[in-house]
Amino acid sequence: MEIEQEILKIKERNVRVDTDKAWERSWTRRLTITIFTYIIAEAWLLIINEPNSWWKAFVPVGGYILSTLSLPPIKKFWVNKLKV
């Protein structure tokens, strides 16, 4: 009986971990962070009276998007290097 409960706990944990991984890789998460980053950058640029703030707020957003697109290949390279 105790072993069955332990197995159930492990399976529940695995589902939770898989769900967290799926969230970390999801475009919903990336898009949400992108939107919030843009809003915060735009608000800051408006506060400091920066001209063309709506356009300049895309700079940090672009950096974020590029980093999320480039990290998977870098991770793959790193993992392959680690195996050696």
C-alpha atoms as a PDB file:
ATOM      1  CA  MET A   1       0.000   0.000   0.000  1.00  0.00           C
ATOM      2  CA  GLU A   2       2.785   2.409   0.891  1.00  0.00           C
ATOM      3  CA  ILE A   3       4.631   1.732  -2.365  1.00  0.00           C
ATOM      4  CA  GLU A   4       1.483   2.447  -4.373  1.00  0.00           C
ATOM      5  CA  GLN A   5       1.100   5.812  -2.640  1.00  0.00           C
ATOM      6  CA  GLU A   6       4.720   6.658  -3.368  1.00  0.00           C
ATOM      7  CA  ILE A   7       4.231   5.757  -7.026  1.00  0.00           C
ATOM      8  CA  LEU A   8       1.099   7.941  -7.178  1.00  0.00           C
ATOM      9  CA  LYS A   9       3.030  10.855  -5.641  1.00  0.00           C
ATOM     10  CA  ILE A  10       5.819  10.417  -8.191  1.00  0.00           C
ATOM     11  CA  LYS A  11       3.326  10.322 -11.068  1.00  0.00           C
ATOM     12  CA  GLU A  12       1.581  13.470  -9.775  1.00  0.00           C
ATOM     13  CA  ARG A  13       4.946  15.207  -9.480  1.00  0.00           C
ATOM     14  CA  ASN A  14       5.868  14.175 -13.021  1.00  0.00           C
ATOM     15  CA  VAL A  15       2.629  15.631 -14.364  1.00  0.00           C
ATOM     16  CA  ARG A  16       3.313  18.879 -12.482  1.00  0.00           C
ATOM     17  CA  VAL A  17       6.897  19.042 -13.777  1.00  0.00           C
ATOM     18  CA  ASP A  18       5.793  18.344 -17.362  1.00  0.00           C
ATOM     19  CA  THR A  19       3.143  21.054 -17.096  1.00  0.00           C
ATOM     20  CA  ASP A  20       5.734  23.539 -15.801  1.00  0.00           C
ATOM     21  CA  LYS A  21       8.078  22.656 -18.663  1.00  0.00           C
ATOM     22  CA  ALA A  22       5.293  23.106 -21.199  1.00  0.00           C
ATOM     23  CA  TRP A  23       4.503  26.539 -19.716  1.00  0.00           C
ATOM     24  CA  GLU A  24       8.162  27.595 -19.828  1.00  0.00           C
ATOM     25  CA  ARG A  25       8.330  26.741 -23.540  1.00  0.00           C
ATOM     26  CA  SER A  26       4.893  28.052 -24.503  1.00  0.00           C
ATOM     27  CA  TRP A  27       4.292  30.935 -26.862  1.00  0.00           C
ATOM     28  CA  THR A  28       1.542  32.113 -24.503  1.00  0.00           C
ATOM     29  CA  ARG A  29       4.186  32.788 -21.839  1.00  0.00           C
ATOM     30  CA  ARG A  30       6.521  34.436 -24.321  1.00  0.00           C
ATOM     31  CA  LEU A  31       3.779  36.637 -25.714  1.00  0.00           C
ATOM     32  CA  THR A  32       2.631  37.639 -22.227  1.00  0.00           C
ATOM     33  CA  ILE A  33       6.160  38.627 -21.198  1.00  0.00           C
ATOM     34  CA  THR A  34       6.593  40.474 -24.499  1.00  0.00           C
ATOM     35  CA  ILE A  35       3.427  42.500 -23.959  1.00  0.00           C
ATOM     36  CA  PHE A  36       4.275  43.353 -20.353  1.00  0.00           C
ATOM     37  CA  THR A  37       7.823  44.305 -21.340  1.00  0.00           C
ATOM     38  CA  TYR A  38       6.502  46.630 -24.027  1.00  0.00           C
ATOM     39  CA  ILE A  39       3.982  48.245 -21.672  1.00  0.00           C
ATOM     40  CA  ILE A  40       6.598  48.837 -18.973  1.00  0.00           C
ATOM     41  CA  ALA A  41       9.157  50.191 -21.458  1.00  0.00           C
ATOM     42  CA  GLU A  42       6.540  52.443 -23.065  1.00  0.00           C
ATOM     43  CA  ALA A  43       5.405  53.757 -19.668  1.00  0.00           C
ATOM     44  CA  TRP A  44       8.985  54.518 -18.640  1.00  0.00           C
ATOM     45  CA  LEU A  45       9.761  56.268 -21.912  1.00  0.00           C
ATOM     46  CA  LEU A  46       6.597  58.363 -21.573  1.00  0.00           C
ATOM     47  CA  ILE A  47       7.524  59.309 -18.005  1.00  0.00           C
ATOM     48  CA  ILE A  48      10.937  60.570 -19.117  1.00  0.00           C
ATOM     49  CA  ASN A  49       9.363  62.347 -22.118  1.00  0.00           C
ATOM     50  CA  GLU A  50      11.286  60.385 -24.707  1.00  0.00           C
ATOM     51  CA  PRO A  51      10.205  61.218 -28.264  1.00  0.00           C
ATOM     52  CA  ASN A  52       8.859  58.304 -30.352  1.00  0.00           C
ATOM     53  CA  SER A  53       8.504  56.238 -27.202  1.00  0.00           C
ATOM     54  CA  TRP A  54       6.056  53.831 -28.826  1.00  0.00           C
ATOM     55  CA  TRP A  55       8.738  52.876 -31.346  1.00  0.00           C
ATOM     56  CA  LYS A  56      11.679  52.814 -28.921  1.00  0.00           C
ATOM     57  CA  ALA A  57       9.794  50.518 -26.540  1.00  0.00           C
ATOM     58  CA  PHE A  58      10.286  47.739 -29.095  1.00  0.00           C
ATOM     59  CA  VAL A  59      14.035  47.601 -28.361  1.00  0.00           C
ATOM     60  CA  PRO A  60      13.798  45.556 -25.126  1.00  0.00           C
ATOM     61  CA  VAL A  61      10.963  43.503 -26.627  1.00  0.00           C
ATOM     62  CA  GLY A  62      13.137  42.664 -29.624  1.00  0.00           C
ATOM     63  CA  GLY A  63      15.970  41.664 -27.324  1.00  0.00           C
ATOM     64  CA  TYR A  64      13.693  39.383 -25.363  1.00  0.00           C
ATOM     65  CA  ILE A  65      12.283  37.717 -28.482  1.00  0.00           C
ATOM     66  CA  LEU A  66      15.760  37.201 -29.953  1.00  0.00           C
ATOM     67  CA  SER A  67      16.976  35.683 -26.699  1.00  0.00           C
ATOM     68  CA  THR A  68      14.079  33.220 -26.536  1.00  0.00           C
ATOM     69  CA  LEU A  69      14.641  32.193 -30.144  1.00  0.00           C
ATOM     70  CA  SER A  70      18.386  31.747 -29.750  1.00  0.00           C
ATOM     71  CA  LEU A  71      18.441  29.931 -26.406  1.00  0.00           C
ATOM     72  CA  PRO A  72      17.131  26.523 -27.578  1.00  0.00           C
ATOM     73  CA  PRO A  73      19.933  26.051 -30.148  1.00  0.00           C
ATOM     74  CA  ILE A  74      22.506  27.261 -27.615  1.00  0.00           C
ATOM     75  CA  LYS A  75      21.103  24.842 -25.026  1.00  0.00           C
ATOM     76  CA  LYS A  76      21.255  21.982 -27.537  1.00  0.00           C
ATOM     77  CA  PHE A  77      24.887  22.810 -28.321  1.00  0.00           C
ATOM     78  CA  TRP A  78      25.719  23.005 -24.609  1.00  0.00           C
ATOM     79  CA  VAL A  79      24.023  19.674 -23.832  1.00  0.00           C
ATOM     80  CA  ASN A  80      25.870  17.977 -26.686  1.00  0.00           C
ATOM     81  CA  LYS A  81      29.152  19.475 -25.487  1.00  0.00           C
ATOM     82  CA  LEU A  82      28.409  18.292 -21.943  1.00  0.00           C
ATOM     83  CA  LYS A  83      28.001  14.687 -23.107  1.00  0.00           C
ATOM     84  CA  VAL A  84      31.570  14.585 -24.386  1.00  0.00           C
END
